[in-house]
Amino acid sequence: MKRFNLIFGLIVLSLFAMQAHAQVSNGTYRALSDANSARLAALGGVPLALHDGDLQLATFNPSVISPEMNNQLLVSYVGDFGLGTNFATAQYSHTFEKVGSFAASVQYYNYGTMAYATEAGELDGGTFTPSDFAITLGWGRELSDKWSIGANLKYAGLQYESGRAGAIAVDVAVTYWSYTNWAFSLAARNVGMQVFSNLDNQANKSLPFSVDFLASKKLNHLPLSFYLAYVDIQKWNKRFDDPLHLYDSYDPTTGEYTEPSKAARFFTNLACHLVIGGELEIGKNLVLRASYNYGNHYYMTVPTARTLVGFSAGFGVKIKAFQIDYALSRYNIASASHFLTLRVDLKKFK
């Protein structure tokens, strides 16, 4: 155990040193950070500190990859019917004795058909389909009955008309879970770099680097679990300092702008880092989920429109060897995204 802790610690320090100059919380390769399964989406689209053997958690928090995920197969589909975008993910996990548990995933993001146009906006008859993809190989190992570690190796690509770009990234994470049903994780995600690109005018070549602290608690006398995430530890300021930003004290008629107080700035920044969620079990085979991500609400809504941007909800149903999960998430005021995930436990067919 000491040897694994030392090696993992050196890896973590090296990765932080590589990415220390890039205080980035979004970046070009969004396929590396967007929720790709229904359970993740329903609980805020962030990593989760859980240890229940659900393969959906592996791509965001590799330290929860465990033998309980052995021979699980998972497929997910995400449809944004208002915008015409479609995402799909396939995952599989297998455990090898003395080596650890592995999880592989392939994600494909299709942004719909777009028309060629001149600089004046005139259509010239042709179309193209932009897309992103990501391939991930994850590894997790339990060091004791309370500690586990894990890492993901990723390759992400962009295909925008004739433009191509590619990047490599690594996630590292550690999880602690107690006998009192508390669990805590620390994850550094998308530490890496772009390796090639022929895209013109690509100003942002950074990856969506993030350091996240995660906690969960399952109540002892109620079938209810709570989840809390503090995301983007590496970057405190999440606000927009643009005086035109409608959340600040800006009068569009007079053009007068009043600088927010230090307390208002502090609490806005703090709230943008926090994501809260919960799961309620209804019997043994049904679970209800909901979450609120204030950061998504702050960035994507407008004061003049009352919307549910930032809210997500969903449910999961277990039927023998199958688990079906659904989630509805509001990421913008234009439309909502629908997530559907089917997980199959192949061990139960033997």
Protein backbone atom coordinates (compact mmCIF):
# COMPACT_ATOMS: atom_id res chain seq x y z
CA MET A 1 0.00 0.00 0.00
CA LYS A 2 2.82 2.42 0.85
CA ARG A 3 4.39 1.81 -2.54
CA PHE A 4 1.16 2.60 -4.36
CA ASN A 5 0.63 5.72 -2.27
CA LEU A 6 4.13 6.97 -3.09
CA ILE A 7 3.78 6.32 -6.82
CA PHE A 8 0.34 7.89 -6.95
CA GLY A 9 1.54 10.91 -4.98
CA LEU A 10 4.43 11.48 -7.39
CA ILE A 11 2.07 11.23 -10.36
CA VAL A 12 -0.29 13.77 -8.82
CA LEU A 13 2.51 16.23 -8.09
CA SER A 14 3.90 15.89 -11.61
CA LEU A 15 0.51 16.49 -13.20
CA PHE A 16 -0.14 19.55 -11.10
CA ALA A 17 3.24 20.94 -12.08
CA MET A 18 2.43 20.43 -15.75
CA GLN A 19 -0.91 22.21 -15.52
CA ALA A 20 -0.09 24.87 -12.92
CA HIS A 21 0.24 27.60 -15.56
CA ALA A 22 -3.15 26.86 -17.12
CA GLN A 23 -5.82 28.22 -14.77
CA VAL A 24 -8.58 27.09 -17.12
CA SER A 25 -12.04 25.86 -16.15
CA ASN A 26 -13.54 25.38 -19.61
CA GLY A 27 -11.38 25.19 -22.72
CA THR A 28 -11.75 23.88 -26.26
CA TYR A 29 -12.30 20.16 -25.70
CA ARG A 30 -15.70 20.17 -24.03
CA ALA A 31 -16.18 16.46 -24.80
CA LEU A 32 -13.79 15.81 -21.92
CA SER A 33 -15.98 17.52 -19.33
CA ASP A 34 -19.62 17.28 -20.43
CA ALA A 35 -21.85 14.77 -18.63
CA ASN A 36 -22.12 11.60 -20.70
CA SER A 37 -24.63 9.51 -18.75
CA ALA A 38 -28.01 9.96 -17.13
CA ARG A 39 -26.97 9.55 -13.50
CA LEU A 40 -24.14 12.06 -13.78
CA ALA A 41 -26.43 14.53 -15.53
CA ALA A 42 -29.22 14.16 -12.98
CA LEU A 43 -26.76 14.84 -10.15
CA GLY A 44 -25.28 18.03 -11.59
CA GLY A 45 -22.88 16.89 -14.32
CA VAL A 46 -19.90 16.66 -11.95
CA PRO A 47 -17.81 13.80 -10.50
CA LEU A 48 -19.40 11.89 -7.63
CA ALA A 49 -17.88 10.45 -4.48
CA LEU A 50 -19.63 7.10 -4.55
CA HIS A 51 -18.62 3.49 -4.16
CA ASP A 52 -21.61 1.51 -5.37
CA GLY A 53 -20.20 -0.18 -8.48
CA ASP A 54 -21.95 1.96 -11.09
CA LEU A 55 -19.91 2.19 -14.30
CA GLN A 56 -21.47 5.59 -15.10
CA LEU A 57 -19.15 7.18 -12.52
CA ALA A 58 -15.87 5.94 -14.02
CA THR A 59 -15.16 8.59 -16.68
CA PHE A 60 -15.36 11.48 -14.18
CA ASN A 61 -13.87 9.82 -11.07
CA PRO A 62 -11.53 6.91 -11.86
CA SER A 63 -10.85 6.21 -8.17
CA VAL A 64 -14.32 4.60 -7.90
CA ILE A 65 -13.52 2.03 -10.62
CA SER A 66 -13.85 -1.21 -8.66
CA PRO A 67 -14.33 -4.99 -8.97
CA GLU A 68 -18.09 -4.43 -8.56
CA MET A 69 -18.01 -2.94 -12.08
CA ASN A 70 -16.51 -6.11 -13.56
CA ASN A 71 -18.21 -7.13 -16.84
CA GLN A 72 -20.57 -4.18 -16.94
CA LEU A 73 -21.56 -2.82 -20.35
CA LEU A 74 -23.12 0.60 -20.68
CA VAL A 75 -24.53 2.69 -23.52
CA SER A 76 -25.81 6.26 -23.22
CA TYR A 77 -27.60 8.62 -25.55
CA VAL A 78 -28.05 12.36 -25.15
CA GLY A 79 -30.48 14.29 -27.33
CA ASP A 80 -31.03 18.05 -27.37
CA PHE A 81 -34.13 18.08 -29.52
CA GLY A 82 -34.37 21.86 -29.64
CA LEU A 83 -30.90 22.27 -31.16
CA GLY A 84 -30.51 19.02 -33.10
CA THR A 85 -27.38 17.78 -31.31
CA ASN A 86 -26.84 14.13 -30.40
CA PHE A 87 -24.23 12.49 -28.15
CA ALA A 88 -23.54 8.80 -27.57
CA THR A 89 -21.27 6.88 -25.19
CA ALA A 90 -20.28 3.21 -24.84
CA GLN A 91 -18.42 1.86 -21.79
CA TYR A 92 -17.12 -1.48 -20.55
CA SER A 93 -15.29 -2.53 -17.39
CA HIS A 94 -13.19 -5.56 -16.48
CA THR A 95 -11.18 -6.49 -13.40
CA PHE A 96 -7.83 -8.31 -13.40
CA GLU A 97 -6.57 -9.85 -10.18
CA LYS A 98 -3.50 -8.17 -8.64
CA VAL A 99 -3.57 -5.42 -11.28
CA GLY A 100 -6.82 -3.60 -10.66
CA SER A 101 -10.03 -2.73 -12.44
CA PHE A 102 -10.19 -1.10 -15.86
CA ALA A 103 -12.92 0.85 -17.61
CA ALA A 104 -12.90 1.85 -21.29
CA SER A 105 -15.23 4.33 -22.94
CA VAL A 106 -15.83 5.90 -26.33
CA GLN A 107 -17.80 9.14 -26.66
CA TYR A 108 -19.07 10.68 -29.88
CA TYR A 109 -20.65 14.14 -30.14
CA ASN A 110 -22.60 15.09 -33.27
CA TYR A 111 -23.63 18.76 -33.54
CA GLY A 112 -26.03 18.36 -36.45
CA THR A 113 -25.86 19.45 -40.07
CA MET A 114 -24.60 22.95 -40.84
CA ALA A 115 -24.71 24.84 -44.13
CA TYR A 116 -21.78 26.45 -45.90
CA ALA A 117 -22.14 30.21 -46.27
CA THR A 118 -20.15 33.14 -47.56
CA GLU A 119 -18.84 35.92 -45.34
CA ALA A 120 -21.93 37.91 -46.35
CA GLY A 121 -24.18 35.12 -45.02
CA GLU A 122 -25.27 33.75 -48.38
CA LEU A 123 -25.74 29.97 -48.50
CA ASP A 124 -23.80 28.19 -51.24
CA GLY A 125 -25.65 24.84 -51.13
CA GLY A 126 -23.20 22.60 -49.27
CA THR A 127 -23.39 21.18 -45.74
CA PHE A 128 -21.04 19.62 -43.19
CA THR A 129 -21.36 17.90 -39.81
CA PRO A 130 -19.02 19.04 -36.99
CA SER A 131 -18.26 16.50 -34.29
CA ASP A 132 -16.10 15.74 -31.26
CA PHE A 133 -14.99 12.42 -29.83
CA ALA A 134 -13.11 11.12 -26.82
CA ILE A 135 -11.56 7.75 -25.98
CA THR A 136 -10.83 6.96 -22.33
CA LEU A 137 -9.03 4.11 -20.58
CA GLY A 138 -9.41 4.18 -16.81
CA TRP A 139 -7.80 2.22 -13.99
CA GLY A 140 -8.81 1.97 -10.34
CA ARG A 141 -7.47 0.07 -7.37
CA GLU A 142 -8.66 -0.37 -3.79
CA LEU A 143 -5.75 0.13 -1.40
CA SER A 144 -7.72 -0.82 1.72
CA ASP A 145 -11.29 -1.06 2.95
CA LYS A 146 -11.39 2.77 3.09
CA TRP A 147 -9.08 4.09 0.35
CA SER A 148 -8.98 3.77 -3.43
CA ILE A 149 -7.10 5.53 -6.22
CA GLY A 150 -7.51 5.75 -9.96
CA ALA A 151 -6.44 7.41 -13.20
CA ASN A 152 -7.85 7.96 -16.68
CA LEU A 153 -5.87 8.31 -19.90
CA LYS A 154 -7.81 10.19 -22.60
CA TYR A 155 -7.52 11.12 -26.23
CA ALA A 156 -9.92 13.77 -27.56
CA GLY A 157 -10.44 14.93 -31.13
CA LEU A 158 -12.26 17.70 -32.99
CA GLN A 159 -13.61 17.45 -36.56
CA TYR A 160 -14.97 20.78 -37.77
CA GLU A 161 -15.45 20.72 -41.56
CA SER A 162 -11.88 20.29 -42.91
CA GLY A 163 -10.32 21.25 -39.57
CA ARG A 164 -8.89 18.66 -37.21
CA ALA A 165 -7.36 18.82 -33.74
CA GLY A 166 -6.35 16.32 -31.08
CA ALA A 167 -5.33 16.35 -27.43
CA ILE A 168 -4.23 13.95 -24.71
CA ALA A 169 -5.25 14.25 -21.07
CA VAL A 170 -5.04 12.46 -17.75
CA ASP A 171 -7.36 12.35 -14.73
CA VAL A 172 -6.15 11.33 -11.27
CA ALA A 173 -8.35 10.83 -8.22
CA VAL A 174 -8.43 9.45 -4.69
CA THR A 175 -11.49 8.42 -2.68
CA TYR A 176 -12.03 7.78 1.03
CA TRP A 177 -15.19 6.20 2.38
CA SER A 178 -16.07 5.65 6.03
CA TYR A 179 -18.13 3.13 7.95
CA THR A 180 -20.65 5.91 8.68
CA ASN A 181 -21.68 6.15 4.99
CA TRP A 182 -19.60 9.26 4.25
CA ALA A 183 -17.42 9.34 1.13
CA PHE A 184 -14.94 11.98 -0.05
CA SER A 185 -13.03 12.31 -3.33
CA LEU A 186 -10.41 14.68 -4.71
CA ALA A 187 -10.03 14.61 -8.48
CA ALA A 188 -7.78 16.47 -10.91
CA ARG A 189 -9.35 16.19 -14.35
CA ASN A 190 -8.15 16.85 -17.88
CA VAL A 191 -4.50 17.54 -17.16
CA GLY A 192 -2.88 17.57 -20.59
CA MET A 193 -2.21 19.40 -23.82
CA GLN A 194 -3.18 19.72 -27.46
CA VAL A 195 -0.90 17.63 -29.67
CA PHE A 196 -1.91 18.83 -33.14
CA SER A 197 -4.32 21.18 -34.91
CA ASN A 198 -4.95 22.59 -38.38
CA LEU A 199 -7.89 24.74 -37.27
CA ASP A 200 -7.64 28.38 -38.30
CA ASN A 201 -7.93 31.09 -35.66
CA GLN A 202 -8.13 28.65 -32.76
CA ALA A 203 -7.55 31.11 -29.95
CA ASN A 204 -8.23 28.69 -27.09
CA LYS A 205 -6.16 25.52 -27.26
CA SER A 206 -6.54 24.70 -23.57
CA LEU A 207 -8.25 21.68 -22.07
CA PRO A 208 -11.10 21.93 -19.52
CA PHE A 209 -8.77 21.46 -16.53
CA SER A 210 -10.48 21.21 -13.15
CA VAL A 211 -9.67 20.18 -9.59
CA ASP A 212 -12.80 19.04 -7.73
CA PHE A 213 -13.60 18.11 -4.13
CA LEU A 214 -16.58 15.79 -3.72
CA ALA A 215 -18.58 14.48 -0.78
CA SER A 216 -21.57 12.19 -0.29
CA LYS A 217 -23.60 10.96 2.65
CA LYS A 218 -26.14 8.16 2.79
CA LEU A 219 -28.55 8.58 5.69
CA ASN A 220 -28.74 5.73 8.16
CA HIS A 221 -32.50 5.67 8.73
CA LEU A 222 -33.85 7.04 5.46
CA PRO A 223 -33.32 5.80 1.86
CA LEU A 224 -31.83 9.19 0.98
CA SER A 225 -28.34 10.24 -0.12
CA PHE A 226 -26.94 13.76 -0.43
CA TYR A 227 -24.13 14.91 -2.74
CA LEU A 228 -22.00 18.02 -2.63
CA ALA A 229 -19.29 19.11 -5.08
CA TYR A 230 -16.90 22.03 -4.91
CA VAL A 231 -15.58 22.30 -8.47
CA ASP A 232 -12.74 24.28 -10.06
CA ILE A 233 -10.71 24.62 -6.87
CA GLN A 234 -7.82 25.99 -8.95
CA LYS A 235 -9.79 29.08 -10.01
CA TRP A 236 -11.62 31.19 -7.44
CA ASN A 237 -13.05 33.96 -9.63
CA LYS A 238 -16.04 32.53 -11.51
CA ARG A 239 -17.86 35.80 -12.04
CA PHE A 240 -18.01 37.93 -15.14
CA ASP A 241 -16.50 41.35 -14.53
CA ASP A 242 -18.05 42.75 -17.71
CA PRO A 243 -20.16 45.82 -16.78
CA LEU A 244 -22.69 44.72 -19.40
CA HIS A 245 -23.30 41.50 -17.52
CA LEU A 246 -26.95 41.58 -16.48
CA TYR A 247 -26.37 39.99 -13.09
CA ASP A 248 -24.52 43.09 -11.92
CA SER A 249 -26.02 46.47 -11.11
CA TYR A 250 -26.17 47.76 -14.67
CA ASP A 251 -28.92 50.05 -15.90
CA PRO A 252 -29.34 49.45 -19.68
CA THR A 253 -31.27 52.73 -20.02
CA THR A 254 -28.86 55.16 -18.38
CA GLY A 255 -25.71 53.11 -18.82
CA GLU A 256 -24.87 53.57 -15.14
CA TYR A 257 -23.01 50.77 -13.47
CA THR A 258 -22.62 50.14 -9.76
CA GLU A 259 -19.80 47.85 -8.71
CA PRO A 260 -21.10 44.90 -6.62
CA SER A 261 -20.01 44.78 -3.00
CA LYS A 262 -17.20 42.50 -1.86
CA ALA A 263 -19.74 40.33 -0.03
CA ALA A 264 -21.85 39.96 -3.18
CA ARG A 265 -18.77 39.03 -5.22
CA PHE A 266 -17.70 36.50 -2.60
CA PHE A 267 -21.04 34.71 -2.36
CA THR A 268 -21.53 34.70 -6.15
CA ASN A 269 -18.10 33.11 -6.63
CA LEU A 270 -18.74 30.60 -3.86
CA ALA A 271 -22.12 29.58 -5.26
CA CYS A 272 -20.66 29.11 -8.76
CA HIS A 273 -18.29 26.50 -7.32
CA LEU A 274 -20.99 24.48 -5.54
CA VAL A 275 -23.24 21.73 -6.89
CA ILE A 276 -25.78 19.97 -4.66
CA GLY A 277 -27.89 16.90 -5.36
CA GLY A 278 -29.69 13.95 -3.88
CA GLU A 279 -31.08 10.49 -4.53
CA LEU A 280 -34.21 8.98 -2.99
CA GLU A 281 -34.67 5.21 -3.18
CA ILE A 282 -38.27 4.02 -3.68
CA GLY A 283 -38.07 0.35 -2.82
CA LYS A 284 -35.23 -1.78 -4.17
CA ASN A 285 -35.60 -1.05 -7.88
CA LEU A 286 -36.48 2.64 -8.27
CA VAL A 287 -34.47 5.76 -7.42
CA LEU A 288 -35.34 9.43 -7.94
CA ARG A 289 -32.63 12.07 -8.47
CA ALA A 290 -32.37 15.87 -8.55
CA SER A 291 -29.63 18.51 -8.37
CA TYR A 292 -28.90 22.21 -8.76
CA ASN A 293 -25.79 23.69 -10.37
CA TYR A 294 -25.78 27.43 -9.70
CA GLY A 295 -22.77 27.95 -11.96
CA ASN A 296 -24.77 26.76 -14.98
CA HIS A 297 -27.65 28.99 -13.94
CA TYR A 298 -25.40 32.03 -13.54
CA TYR A 299 -23.73 31.65 -16.93
CA MET A 300 -26.68 30.59 -19.08
CA THR A 301 -29.81 32.39 -17.89
CA VAL A 302 -31.01 35.99 -18.09
CA PRO A 303 -32.82 38.01 -15.37
CA THR A 304 -35.80 38.77 -17.62
CA ALA A 305 -36.61 35.08 -18.17
CA ARG A 306 -37.71 32.69 -15.44
CA THR A 307 -36.22 29.35 -16.32
CA LEU A 308 -35.01 26.14 -14.70
CA VAL A 309 -31.47 26.51 -16.05
CA GLY A 310 -29.14 24.78 -13.58
CA PHE A 311 -31.73 22.26 -12.40
CA SER A 312 -31.52 18.57 -13.33
CA ALA A 313 -33.71 15.63 -12.42
CA GLY A 314 -34.09 11.99 -13.32
CA PHE A 315 -34.75 8.45 -12.21
CA GLY A 316 -33.28 4.96 -12.38
CA VAL A 317 -35.01 1.58 -12.68
CA LYS A 318 -33.43 -1.83 -12.07
CA ILE A 319 -34.81 -4.90 -13.85
CA LYS A 320 -32.74 -7.98 -13.00
CA ALA A 321 -29.44 -7.58 -14.89
CA PHE A 322 -30.49 -4.28 -16.45
CA GLN A 323 -30.54 -0.74 -15.14
CA ILE A 324 -32.24 2.07 -17.08
CA ASP A 325 -31.54 5.69 -16.13
CA TYR A 326 -33.10 8.87 -17.47
CA ALA A 327 -32.30 12.53 -16.80
CA LEU A 328 -33.54 15.91 -17.97
CA SER A 329 -31.08 18.80 -17.65
CA ARG A 330 -31.43 22.49 -18.41
CA TYR A 331 -28.12 23.88 -19.66
CA ASN A 332 -29.58 26.93 -21.46
CA ILE A 333 -32.82 28.85 -21.90
CA ALA A 334 -33.41 27.52 -25.43
CA SER A 335 -33.89 23.82 -24.77
CA ALA A 336 -33.31 20.90 -22.42
CA SER A 337 -31.09 17.85 -22.86
CA HIS A 338 -32.48 14.34 -22.46
CA PHE A 339 -30.14 11.60 -21.18
CA LEU A 340 -30.90 7.89 -21.50
CA THR A 341 -28.51 5.22 -20.19
CA LEU A 342 -28.77 1.44 -20.31
CA ARG A 343 -26.41 -0.56 -18.09
CA VAL A 344 -26.12 -4.34 -18.36
CA ASP A 345 -24.43 -6.54 -15.76
CA LEU A 346 -23.07 -9.34 -17.93
CA LYS A 347 -22.06 -11.40 -14.87
CA LYS A 348 -25.72 -12.21 -14.22
CA PHE A 349 -26.03 -14.01 -17.55
CA LYS A 350 -23.49 -16.68 -16.64
